[in-house]
N, C-alpha and C. Protein backbone atom coordinates (compact mmCIF):
# COMPACT_ATOMS: atom_id res chain seq x y z
N UNK A 1 15.47 -15.34 -12.80
CA UNK A 1 14.92 -14.57 -13.37
C UNK A 1 15.71 -13.20 -13.54
N UNK A 2 15.42 -12.64 -14.35
CA UNK A 2 16.33 -11.52 -14.72
C UNK A 2 16.09 -10.32 -13.63
N UNK A 3 16.86 -9.18 -13.20
CA UNK A 3 16.84 -8.45 -12.43
C UNK A 3 15.93 -7.13 -12.95
N UNK A 4 14.97 -6.67 -12.39
CA UNK A 4 14.19 -5.36 -12.77
C UNK A 4 14.23 -4.28 -11.78
N UNK A 5 14.17 -3.24 -12.74
CA UNK A 5 13.90 -2.24 -11.78
C UNK A 5 12.86 -1.72 -11.32
N UNK A 6 12.73 -1.74 -9.72
CA UNK A 6 11.41 -1.08 -9.38
C UNK A 6 11.43 0.04 -8.54
N UNK A 7 10.45 0.71 -8.54
CA UNK A 7 10.25 1.75 -8.07
C UNK A 7 9.33 1.81 -6.53
N UNK A 8 9.56 1.71 -5.55
CA UNK A 8 8.62 1.21 -4.45
C UNK A 8 8.53 2.98 -3.62
N UNK A 9 7.11 2.69 -3.50
CA UNK A 9 6.78 3.97 -3.09
C UNK A 9 5.77 3.73 -1.78
N UNK A 10 5.99 4.60 -1.06
CA UNK A 10 4.88 4.34 0.40
C UNK A 10 3.74 5.56 0.40
N UNK A 11 2.98 5.07 0.30
CA UNK A 11 1.46 5.72 0.21
C UNK A 11 1.87 7.34 1.13
N UNK A 12 1.33 8.30 0.80
CA UNK A 12 1.37 9.69 1.18
C UNK A 12 0.81 9.55 2.76
N UNK A 13 0.91 10.82 3.46
CA UNK A 13 0.17 10.79 4.84
C UNK A 13 -1.09 10.42 5.00
N UNK A 14 -1.32 9.66 5.77
CA UNK A 14 -3.05 9.06 6.38
C UNK A 14 -3.37 9.86 7.21
N UNK A 15 -4.76 9.58 7.54
CA UNK A 15 -5.18 10.14 8.68
C UNK A 15 -4.47 9.44 10.27
N UNK A 16 -4.32 8.22 9.74
CA UNK A 16 -3.85 7.27 10.52
C UNK A 16 -2.17 7.76 10.98
N UNK A 17 -1.79 8.23 9.98
CA UNK A 17 -0.38 8.77 10.03
C UNK A 17 -0.32 9.73 11.14
N UNK A 18 -1.57 11.08 10.55
CA UNK A 18 -1.37 12.07 11.39
C UNK A 18 -1.63 11.91 12.78
N UNK A 19 -2.70 10.86 13.12
CA UNK A 19 -2.96 11.42 14.38
C UNK A 19 -2.27 9.68 15.41
N UNK A 20 -1.30 9.48 14.69
CA UNK A 20 -0.05 8.66 15.72
C UNK A 20 1.05 9.82 15.78
N UNK A 21 1.32 10.60 14.87
CA UNK A 21 2.32 11.58 15.17
C UNK A 21 2.20 12.68 16.35
N UNK A 22 0.72 12.64 16.72
CA UNK A 22 0.15 14.02 17.43
C UNK A 22 -0.51 12.95 19.12
N UNK A 23 -0.11 11.40 19.16
CA UNK A 23 -0.78 10.79 20.14
C UNK A 23 0.25 10.54 21.11
N UNK A 24 0.16 10.67 22.53
CA UNK A 24 0.77 10.27 23.37
C UNK A 24 0.79 8.74 23.42
N UNK A 25 -0.07 8.07 23.17
CA UNK A 25 -0.51 6.66 23.42
C UNK A 25 -1.27 5.96 21.67
N UNK A 26 -0.03 5.31 21.11
CA UNK A 26 -0.01 4.83 19.91
C UNK A 26 -1.30 3.99 19.86
N UNK A 27 -1.17 3.39 20.93
CA UNK A 27 -2.31 1.87 20.78
C UNK A 27 -3.19 2.64 20.52
N UNK A 28 -3.72 3.56 21.41
CA UNK A 28 -5.04 4.36 21.52
C UNK A 28 -5.68 4.42 19.89
N UNK A 29 -4.47 4.78 18.91
CA UNK A 29 -4.94 5.22 17.57
C UNK A 29 -5.02 4.29 16.76
N UNK A 30 -4.41 2.91 17.52
CA UNK A 30 -4.34 1.58 16.25
C UNK A 30 -5.62 0.93 16.46
N UNK A 31 -6.24 1.33 18.02
CA UNK A 31 -7.46 0.53 18.12
C UNK A 31 -8.68 1.54 17.91
N UNK A 32 -8.66 2.20 17.04
CA UNK A 32 -9.57 3.30 16.83
C UNK A 32 -10.50 3.10 15.65
N UNK A 33 -11.66 2.31 15.79
CA UNK A 33 -12.34 1.85 14.46
C UNK A 33 -12.73 2.62 13.14
N UNK A 34 -13.02 3.93 13.57
CA UNK A 34 -12.79 5.23 13.07
C UNK A 34 -11.94 5.28 11.62
N UNK A 35 -10.78 4.89 11.93
CA UNK A 35 -9.92 4.81 11.46
C UNK A 35 -9.33 3.21 10.25
N UNK A 36 -10.68 2.80 10.20
CA UNK A 36 -10.51 1.57 9.42
C UNK A 36 -10.20 1.86 7.94
N UNK A 37 -9.31 1.31 7.42
CA UNK A 37 -8.93 1.67 5.78
C UNK A 37 -8.75 3.11 5.77
N UNK A 38 -7.87 3.76 6.79
CA UNK A 38 -7.64 5.05 6.40
C UNK A 38 -7.04 5.64 5.19
N UNK A 39 -7.94 6.84 5.08
CA UNK A 39 -7.64 7.94 3.73
C UNK A 39 -6.39 8.82 4.10
N UNK A 40 -6.20 9.31 3.26
CA UNK A 40 -5.17 10.48 2.82
C UNK A 40 -5.88 11.48 3.46
N UNK A 41 -4.68 12.62 4.28
CA UNK A 41 -5.17 13.38 4.86
C UNK A 41 -5.01 14.96 3.81
N UNK A 42 -5.32 16.11 3.75
CA UNK A 42 -4.89 16.73 2.84
C UNK A 42 -3.87 17.35 2.82
N UNK A 43 -2.89 16.90 3.76
CA UNK A 43 -1.40 16.83 3.19
C UNK A 43 -1.17 15.99 2.69
N UNK A 44 -1.46 14.86 2.82
CA UNK A 44 -1.34 13.94 2.19
C UNK A 44 -1.84 13.59 0.49
N UNK A 45 -3.03 14.04 0.31
CA UNK A 45 -3.38 14.41 -0.64
C UNK A 45 -2.35 15.63 -1.78
N UNK A 46 -1.74 16.19 -1.11
CA UNK A 46 -0.47 17.27 -1.45
C UNK A 46 0.38 16.34 -1.78
N UNK A 47 0.94 16.14 -0.94
CA UNK A 47 2.03 14.83 -0.96
C UNK A 47 1.99 13.88 -2.20
N UNK A 48 1.00 13.69 -2.63
CA UNK A 48 0.69 12.74 -3.52
C UNK A 48 0.45 13.06 -5.00
N UNK A 49 0.18 14.52 -4.71
CA UNK A 49 0.34 15.31 -6.35
C UNK A 49 1.87 15.77 -6.33
N UNK A 50 2.70 16.00 -5.42
CA UNK A 50 4.02 16.04 -5.52
C UNK A 50 4.62 15.27 -6.24
N UNK A 51 4.17 14.09 -5.96
CA UNK A 51 5.08 12.64 -6.32
C UNK A 51 4.71 12.65 -8.19
N UNK A 52 3.29 13.12 -8.35
CA UNK A 52 3.56 13.27 -9.86
C UNK A 52 4.20 13.95 -10.90
N UNK A 53 5.20 15.17 -10.18
CA UNK A 53 6.10 15.68 -10.73
C UNK A 53 7.15 14.87 -10.59
N UNK A 54 7.48 13.73 -9.64
CA UNK A 54 8.54 13.08 -10.04
C UNK A 54 8.44 11.82 -10.90
N UNK A 55 7.23 11.21 -10.75
CA UNK A 55 7.05 9.96 -11.54
C UNK A 55 6.62 10.23 -12.96
N UNK A 56 6.38 11.67 -13.22
CA UNK A 56 6.21 12.04 -14.50
C UNK A 56 7.44 11.80 -15.70
N UNK A 57 8.72 11.69 -15.20
CA UNK A 57 9.83 11.88 -15.81
C UNK A 57 10.01 10.02 -15.99
N UNK A 58 9.53 9.29 -15.15
CA UNK A 58 9.56 7.73 -15.10
C UNK A 58 8.92 7.10 -16.45
N UNK A 59 9.00 7.28 -17.40
CA UNK A 59 8.15 6.86 -18.49
C UNK A 59 8.39 5.69 -18.72
N UNK A 60 9.64 5.03 -18.37
CA UNK A 60 9.74 3.45 -18.72
C UNK A 60 9.00 2.65 -17.33
N UNK A 61 8.12 2.82 -17.03
CA UNK A 61 7.54 2.26 -16.00
C UNK A 61 6.26 1.52 -16.44
N UNK A 62 6.51 0.03 -16.30
CA UNK A 62 5.48 -0.17 -17.28
C UNK A 62 4.21 -1.06 -16.69
N UNK A 63 4.59 -0.81 -15.60
CA UNK A 63 3.19 -1.35 -14.53
C UNK A 63 3.52 -0.79 -12.96
N UNK A 64 2.24 -0.42 -12.46
CA UNK A 64 2.00 -0.06 -11.09
C UNK A 64 1.11 -0.96 -10.37
N UNK A 65 2.06 -1.47 -9.21
CA UNK A 65 1.30 -2.49 -8.52
C UNK A 65 0.81 -1.89 -7.60
N UNK A 66 -0.51 -1.46 -7.14
CA UNK A 66 -1.33 -0.83 -5.73
C UNK A 66 -1.71 -1.75 -4.73
N UNK A 67 -1.61 -1.72 -3.62
CA UNK A 67 -2.32 -1.93 -2.66
C UNK A 67 -3.79 -1.36 -2.34
N UNK A 68 -4.38 -2.62 -1.98
CA UNK A 68 -6.04 -2.35 -2.25
C UNK A 68 -6.36 -1.36 -0.71
N UNK A 69 -5.65 -1.23 -0.05
CA UNK A 69 -5.93 0.08 0.88
C UNK A 69 -6.60 0.93 0.51
N UNK A 70 -7.17 1.73 0.96
CA UNK A 70 -7.54 3.36 0.58
C UNK A 70 -6.31 4.19 0.05
N UNK A 71 -5.65 4.46 1.10
CA UNK A 71 -4.45 5.67 1.24
C UNK A 71 -3.24 5.12 -0.10
N UNK A 72 -3.12 3.80 -0.57
CA UNK A 72 -2.17 3.57 -1.37
C UNK A 72 -3.02 3.81 -3.00
N UNK A 73 -4.13 3.33 -2.93
CA UNK A 73 -5.03 3.84 -4.14
C UNK A 73 -5.17 5.47 -4.21
N UNK A 74 -5.35 6.39 -3.23
CA UNK A 74 -5.57 7.63 -3.31
C UNK A 74 -4.24 7.94 -3.95
N UNK A 75 -2.93 7.30 -3.46
CA UNK A 75 -1.64 8.36 -3.74
C UNK A 75 -1.34 7.70 -4.98
N UNK A 76 -2.01 6.35 -5.72
CA UNK A 76 -1.72 6.54 -7.01
C UNK A 76 -2.13 7.42 -7.98
N UNK A 77 -3.58 7.46 -7.70
CA UNK A 77 -4.51 8.11 -8.42
C UNK A 77 -3.89 9.59 -8.93
N UNK A 78 -3.19 10.17 -7.43
CA UNK A 78 -2.71 11.65 -7.95
C UNK A 78 -1.40 11.65 -8.31
N UNK A 79 -0.47 10.63 -8.08
CA UNK A 79 0.46 10.79 -8.20
C UNK A 79 0.93 10.20 -9.95
N UNK A 80 0.21 9.33 -10.53
CA UNK A 80 0.37 8.48 -11.91
C UNK A 80 -1.29 9.00 -12.51
N UNK A 81 -1.33 9.93 -12.10
CA UNK A 81 -2.90 10.79 -12.59
C UNK A 81 -2.51 10.51 -14.26
N UNK A 82 -1.39 11.07 -14.80
CA UNK A 82 -0.89 11.33 -16.08
C UNK A 82 0.22 10.47 -16.67
N UNK A 83 0.11 9.73 -15.77
CA UNK A 83 1.20 8.62 -16.16
C UNK A 83 0.67 7.34 -17.17
N UNK A 84 1.20 6.98 -18.53
CA UNK A 84 0.68 5.96 -19.18
C UNK A 84 0.53 4.19 -18.82
N UNK A 85 0.87 3.98 -17.79
CA UNK A 85 1.76 2.81 -17.06
C UNK A 85 -0.01 2.27 -16.68
N UNK A 86 -0.51 0.90 -16.85
CA UNK A 86 -1.29 0.43 -16.44
C UNK A 86 -0.82 -0.11 -14.82
N UNK A 87 -2.11 -0.09 -13.90
CA UNK A 87 -2.52 -0.10 -12.84
C UNK A 87 -2.72 -1.67 -12.39
N UNK A 88 -2.56 -2.09 -11.49
CA UNK A 88 -2.92 -3.28 -10.89
C UNK A 88 -2.85 -3.70 -9.41
N UNK A 89 -4.03 -3.52 -8.93
CA UNK A 89 -4.43 -4.04 -7.67
C UNK A 89 -3.89 -5.23 -7.13
N UNK A 90 -2.95 -5.51 -6.19
CA UNK A 90 -2.73 -6.73 -5.84
C UNK A 90 -2.67 -6.70 -4.33
N UNK A 91 -2.96 -7.62 -3.49
CA UNK A 91 -3.31 -7.99 -1.85
C UNK A 91 -1.75 -8.41 -1.50
N UNK A 92 -1.78 -8.96 -2.00
CA UNK A 92 -0.09 -9.38 -1.26
C UNK A 92 0.82 -8.17 -0.57
N UNK A 93 0.66 -7.24 -1.45
CA UNK A 93 1.65 -6.48 -0.64
C UNK A 93 0.93 -5.30 0.20
N UNK A 94 -0.42 -5.51 0.86
CA UNK A 94 -1.04 -4.77 1.92
C UNK A 94 -0.58 -4.67 2.93
N UNK A 95 -0.62 -3.48 4.11
CA UNK A 95 0.26 -3.45 5.21
C UNK A 95 0.16 -4.60 6.26
N UNK A 96 1.22 -4.81 6.93
CA UNK A 96 0.65 -5.90 7.97
C UNK A 96 -0.24 -5.44 8.96
N UNK A 97 -1.30 -6.23 9.06
CA UNK A 97 -2.42 -5.51 10.04
C UNK A 97 -1.79 -5.75 11.59
N UNK A 98 -1.74 -4.69 11.92
CA UNK A 98 -1.81 -4.29 12.91
C UNK A 98 -2.29 -2.99 13.99
N UNK A 99 -3.37 -2.43 13.09
CA UNK A 99 -3.61 -1.41 13.61
C UNK A 99 -5.72 -1.56 12.88
N UNK A 100 -6.40 -1.03 13.14
CA UNK A 100 -7.66 -0.91 12.53
C UNK A 100 -7.40 -0.59 11.27
N UNK A 101 -6.40 0.64 10.80
CA UNK A 101 -6.14 1.36 9.35
C UNK A 101 -6.02 0.47 8.37
N UNK A 102 -5.89 -0.87 9.39
CA UNK A 102 -4.97 -2.08 8.08
C UNK A 102 -5.73 -2.83 7.47
N UNK A 103 -7.23 -2.59 8.31
CA UNK A 103 -8.71 -3.79 7.70
C UNK A 103 -9.14 -3.03 6.64
N UNK A 104 -9.01 -3.82 5.52
CA UNK A 104 -9.57 -3.26 4.48
C UNK A 104 -11.54 -3.11 4.17
N UNK A 105 -11.56 -2.92 2.91
CA UNK A 105 -12.78 -2.84 2.53
C UNK A 105 -13.41 -3.74 1.50
N UNK A 106 -14.43 -3.98 1.34
CA UNK A 106 -15.11 -5.29 0.50
C UNK A 106 -14.32 -4.64 -1.09
N UNK A 107 -14.37 -5.76 -1.92
CA UNK A 107 -13.90 -5.22 -3.53
C UNK A 107 -15.41 -4.58 -3.94
N UNK A 108 -16.43 -4.87 -3.61
CA UNK A 108 -17.36 -4.07 -4.13
C UNK A 108 -17.64 -2.56 -3.18
N UNK A 109 -17.50 -2.59 -2.65
CA UNK A 109 -16.92 -1.12 -2.15
C UNK A 109 -16.02 -0.31 -2.62
N UNK A 110 -15.00 -0.67 -2.68
CA UNK A 110 -13.90 -0.19 -3.29
C UNK A 110 -14.24 0.24 -4.69
N UNK A 111 -14.70 -0.79 -5.52
CA UNK A 111 -15.12 -0.36 -7.08
C UNK A 111 -15.94 0.67 -7.11
N UNK A 112 -16.90 0.68 -6.16
CA UNK A 112 -17.97 1.81 -6.39
C UNK A 112 -17.12 3.20 -6.12
N UNK A 113 -16.39 3.16 -5.08
CA UNK A 113 -15.17 4.26 -5.17
C UNK A 113 -14.35 5.03 -6.09
N UNK A 114 -13.59 3.54 -6.64
CA UNK A 114 -12.53 3.38 -7.49
C UNK A 114 -12.68 2.96 -8.87
N UNK A 115 -13.64 3.35 -9.67
CA UNK A 115 -13.80 2.84 -10.93
C UNK A 115 -13.06 2.81 -11.74
N UNK A 116 -11.84 3.39 -11.65
CA UNK A 116 -10.36 3.33 -12.49
C UNK A 116 -9.45 2.08 -11.81
N UNK A 117 -10.42 1.27 -11.00
CA UNK A 117 -9.28 -0.02 -10.62
C UNK A 117 -10.39 -1.28 -10.92
N UNK A 118 -9.62 -2.36 -10.91
CA UNK A 118 -10.94 -3.65 -11.12
C UNK A 118 -10.30 -4.51 -9.86
N UNK A 119 -11.37 -4.66 -8.58
CA UNK A 119 -11.08 -5.30 -7.66
C UNK A 119 -11.75 -6.77 -7.82
N UNK A 120 -12.22 -7.39 -8.95
CA UNK A 120 -13.12 -8.82 -8.62
C UNK A 120 -11.93 -9.79 -8.74
N UNK A 121 -10.93 -9.75 -9.06
CA UNK A 121 -10.04 -10.63 -8.43
C UNK A 121 -9.60 -11.06 -7.30
N UNK A 122 -9.90 -10.21 -6.08
CA UNK A 122 -9.71 -10.34 -4.96
C UNK A 122 -10.71 -11.00 -4.24
N UNK A 123 -10.17 -11.77 -3.13
CA UNK A 123 -10.41 -12.40 -2.00
C UNK A 123 -11.82 -11.40 -1.38
N UNK A 124 -12.73 -11.89 -0.81
CA UNK A 124 -13.55 -10.98 0.30
C UNK A 124 -13.58 -11.56 1.43
N UNK A 125 -12.82 -11.40 2.42
CA UNK A 125 -11.97 -10.58 2.40
C UNK A 125 -10.37 -10.80 1.99
N UNK A 126 -10.01 -9.74 1.77
CA UNK A 126 -8.49 -9.95 0.98
C UNK A 126 -7.65 -9.55 1.99
N UNK A 127 -8.34 -8.96 3.28
CA UNK A 127 -7.09 -8.42 4.35
C UNK A 127 -6.96 -9.71 5.34
N UNK A 128 -6.20 -9.56 6.40
CA UNK A 128 -6.34 -10.59 7.43
C UNK A 128 -7.15 -10.40 8.43
N UNK A 129 -7.86 -11.86 8.08
CA UNK A 129 -9.26 -12.07 8.95
C UNK A 129 -9.07 -13.12 10.13
N UNK A 130 -7.96 -13.36 10.64
CA UNK A 130 -7.86 -14.21 11.63
C UNK A 130 -8.44 -14.15 12.73
N UNK A 131 -8.10 -15.12 14.05
CA UNK A 131 -8.56 -14.92 15.44
C UNK A 131 -8.25 -13.45 15.93
N UNK A 132 -9.01 -13.09 16.80
CA UNK A 132 -8.63 -11.88 17.99
C UNK A 132 -8.03 -11.58 18.61
N UNK A 133 -7.62 -12.97 19.05
CA UNK A 133 -6.31 -13.23 20.56
C UNK A 133 -6.46 -12.14 21.24
N UNK A 134 -7.62 -11.60 22.14
CA UNK A 134 -7.57 -10.57 22.78
C UNK A 134 -7.78 -9.38 22.46
N UNK A 135 -7.33 -8.69 21.44
CA UNK A 135 -7.49 -7.92 20.53
C UNK A 135 -8.95 -7.72 20.20
N UNK A 136 -9.30 -6.00 19.87
CA UNK A 136 -10.55 -5.73 19.33
C UNK A 136 -10.46 -5.96 17.85
N UNK A 137 -9.33 -6.47 16.80
CA UNK A 137 -9.48 -6.26 15.32
C UNK A 137 -8.60 -7.46 15.34
N UNK A 138 -8.27 -8.42 14.15
CA UNK A 138 -7.67 -9.34 14.17
C UNK A 138 -5.84 -8.97 13.47
N UNK A 139 -5.10 -9.38 14.23
CA UNK A 139 -3.90 -8.73 13.93
C UNK A 139 -2.97 -10.11 13.35
N UNK A 140 -2.15 -9.56 12.60
CA UNK A 140 -1.67 -11.07 11.42
C UNK A 140 -0.41 -10.93 12.44
N UNK A 141 0.33 -12.69 12.58
CA UNK A 141 1.49 -12.79 13.29
C UNK A 141 2.49 -12.56 12.29
N UNK A 142 3.41 -12.58 12.81
CA UNK A 142 4.74 -12.08 11.92
C UNK A 142 5.47 -13.28 11.48
N UNK A 143 5.06 -14.30 11.77
CA UNK A 143 5.18 -15.56 10.73
C UNK A 143 4.39 -15.10 9.58
N UNK A 144 3.14 -15.12 9.47
CA UNK A 144 2.29 -15.24 8.73
C UNK A 144 2.62 -13.87 7.55
N UNK A 145 2.95 -12.65 8.08
CA UNK A 145 3.42 -11.41 7.39
C UNK A 145 4.55 -11.90 6.77
N UNK A 146 5.83 -12.53 7.37
CA UNK A 146 6.93 -12.46 6.33
C UNK A 146 6.93 -13.53 5.29
N UNK A 147 5.85 -14.43 5.77
CA UNK A 147 5.74 -15.38 4.29
C UNK A 147 4.90 -14.71 3.47
N UNK A 148 3.99 -13.65 3.77
CA UNK A 148 3.33 -12.87 2.33
C UNK A 148 4.30 -12.14 1.80
N UNK A 149 5.38 -11.41 2.70
CA UNK A 149 6.49 -10.71 2.15
C UNK A 149 7.22 -11.59 1.42
N UNK A 150 7.46 -12.65 1.73
CA UNK A 150 8.27 -13.56 0.32
C UNK A 150 7.41 -13.59 -0.68
N UNK A 151 6.32 -14.37 -0.38
CA UNK A 151 5.30 -14.27 -1.74
C UNK A 151 5.49 -13.58 -2.63
N UNK A 152 5.39 -12.34 -2.07
CA UNK A 152 4.98 -10.95 -2.97
C UNK A 152 6.45 -10.93 -3.60
N UNK A 153 7.58 -11.21 -3.05
CA UNK A 153 8.67 -10.64 -3.78
C UNK A 153 8.78 -12.02 -4.97
N UNK A 154 8.41 -13.08 -4.59
CA UNK A 154 8.80 -14.01 -5.74
C UNK A 154 7.27 -13.82 -6.91
N UNK A 155 6.13 -13.09 -6.44
CA UNK A 155 5.40 -12.64 -7.70
C UNK A 155 5.61 -11.44 -8.45
N UNK A 156 6.62 -10.60 -7.53
CA UNK A 156 7.13 -9.57 -8.16
C UNK A 156 8.11 -10.12 -8.99
N UNK A 157 9.46 -10.95 -8.69
CA UNK A 157 10.45 -11.34 -9.68
C UNK A 157 9.84 -12.14 -10.58
N UNK A 158 8.54 -12.89 -10.72
CA UNK A 158 7.93 -13.45 -11.75
C UNK A 158 7.22 -12.98 -12.89
N UNK A 159 7.18 -11.45 -12.78
CA UNK A 159 6.26 -10.59 -13.67
C UNK A 159 7.18 -10.28 -14.67
N UNK A 160 6.52 -10.38 -16.16
CA UNK A 160 7.35 -9.97 -16.91
C UNK A 160 7.75 -8.62 -17.47
N UNK A 161 7.38 -7.51 -16.84
CA UNK A 161 7.85 -6.25 -16.88
C UNK A 161 9.27 -5.82 -16.74
N UNK A 162 9.81 -5.00 -16.95
CA UNK A 162 11.40 -4.61 -16.59
C UNK A 162 11.32 -3.67 -15.55
N UNK A 163 10.01 -2.74 -15.60
CA UNK A 163 10.13 -1.80 -14.81
C UNK A 163 8.95 -1.71 -14.16
N UNK A 164 8.72 -1.49 -12.68
CA UNK A 164 7.73 -1.69 -12.22
C UNK A 164 7.43 -0.65 -10.93
N UNK A 165 6.30 0.09 -10.68
CA UNK A 165 6.52 1.09 -9.57
C UNK A 165 5.56 -0.11 -8.38
N UNK A 166 5.76 0.37 -7.79
CA UNK A 166 5.16 -0.69 -6.49
C UNK A 166 4.66 0.63 -5.28
N UNK A 167 3.21 0.51 -5.11
CA UNK A 167 2.59 1.43 -4.39
C UNK A 167 2.03 0.66 -2.78
N UNK A 168 2.92 0.98 -1.76
CA UNK A 168 2.64 0.09 -0.67
C UNK A 168 2.79 1.12 0.56
N UNK A 169 3.35 0.12 1.57
CA UNK A 169 3.12 0.46 3.00
C UNK A 169 4.64 0.65 3.72
N UNK A 170 4.56 1.49 4.50
CA UNK A 170 5.94 1.89 5.24
C UNK A 170 6.48 0.01 5.70
N UNK A 171 5.87 -0.51 7.09
CA UNK A 171 6.27 -1.76 7.48
C UNK A 171 6.51 -2.97 5.91
N UNK A 172 5.38 -2.70 5.63
CA UNK A 172 5.59 -3.85 4.18
C UNK A 172 6.51 -3.45 3.51
N UNK A 173 7.19 -2.36 3.07
CA UNK A 173 8.28 -1.72 2.26
C UNK A 173 9.67 -2.29 2.68
N UNK A 174 9.62 -1.92 4.40
CA UNK A 174 10.93 -2.19 5.32
C UNK A 174 11.03 -3.39 5.25
N UNK A 175 10.29 -4.18 5.08
CA UNK A 175 10.87 -5.89 5.21
C UNK A 175 10.76 -6.53 3.87
N UNK A 176 10.61 -6.07 2.80
CA UNK A 176 10.57 -6.53 1.60
C UNK A 176 11.91 -5.59 1.20
N UNK A 177 12.54 -4.53 1.36
CA UNK A 177 13.77 -3.87 0.69
C UNK A 177 14.62 -3.82 1.69
N UNK A 178 14.07 -3.73 3.10
CA UNK A 178 15.37 -3.48 4.14
C UNK A 178 15.14 -1.86 4.45
N UNK A 179 14.44 -1.30 3.73
CA UNK A 179 14.87 0.26 3.89
C UNK A 179 13.60 0.88 4.59
N UNK A 180 13.67 2.09 5.24
CA UNK A 180 12.66 2.77 5.78
C UNK A 180 12.23 3.83 4.90
N UNK A 181 11.08 3.83 4.69
CA UNK A 181 10.21 5.02 3.98
C UNK A 181 9.50 5.60 4.63
N UNK A 182 9.78 7.23 4.36
CA UNK A 182 8.81 7.96 4.50
C UNK A 182 7.24 8.23 3.71
N UNK A 183 6.52 9.08 4.33
CA UNK A 183 5.32 9.26 3.63
C UNK A 183 5.53 9.60 2.26
N UNK A 184 5.29 9.26 1.25
CA UNK A 184 5.39 9.34 -0.18
C UNK A 184 6.66 9.26 -1.02
N UNK A 185 7.53 8.65 -0.45
CA UNK A 185 8.55 8.56 -0.56
C UNK A 185 9.24 7.38 -1.80
N UNK A 186 9.80 7.60 -2.62
CA UNK A 186 10.11 6.95 -3.49
C UNK A 186 11.40 6.41 -4.04
N UNK A 187 11.87 5.12 -3.62
CA UNK A 187 12.79 4.62 -3.81
C UNK A 187 13.34 3.34 -4.83
N UNK A 188 14.15 3.81 -5.89
CA UNK A 188 14.14 2.66 -6.88
C UNK A 188 15.38 1.74 -6.50
N UNK A 189 15.07 0.48 -7.09
CA UNK A 189 16.21 -0.24 -6.37
C UNK A 189 15.64 -1.07 -7.70
N UNK A 190 17.22 -2.04 -7.81
CA UNK A 190 16.69 -3.45 -8.90
C UNK A 190 16.84 -4.74 -7.80
N UNK A 191 15.65 -5.24 -7.92
CA UNK A 191 14.78 -6.29 -7.75
C UNK A 191 15.33 -7.76 -8.15
């Protein structure tokens, strides 16, 4: 495979991110079911709109690959609002499921809210739906997560495009690239 340029973008600030920043006990935030598939905060929406200025100059992006978690979709809608590249929802680069915020919603629910995207190719559920193992929600093992990161890397390498944007999540992007990402941060790499 030929090397390609990839713009890795972490979603803007979500409700979960904001709560964790203020929390004395992160586990309480992780186990809060009201944060399932966390949305962007007002700051997150502003961050995503600011990304639009950054990506406007990146006219050679041929495809935007988006996690099906709401915060990534909302970030994409704002950041790529006026960009001509097609968008593709791909569940392989969803976040490592460690919190309620990482549990997704069914494809029909997502399609009803985000009509600009196609979700009919996703499994239902497309998120990790394994055993509870003593937790109030299923948590993805490190082995399963690392195998998924590897599958996404292979998938991305096999894509025919030369320049791709990937809108995803901090832990996943860190394991894929070795870089730490702030909310709404874009890092360009040869992949």
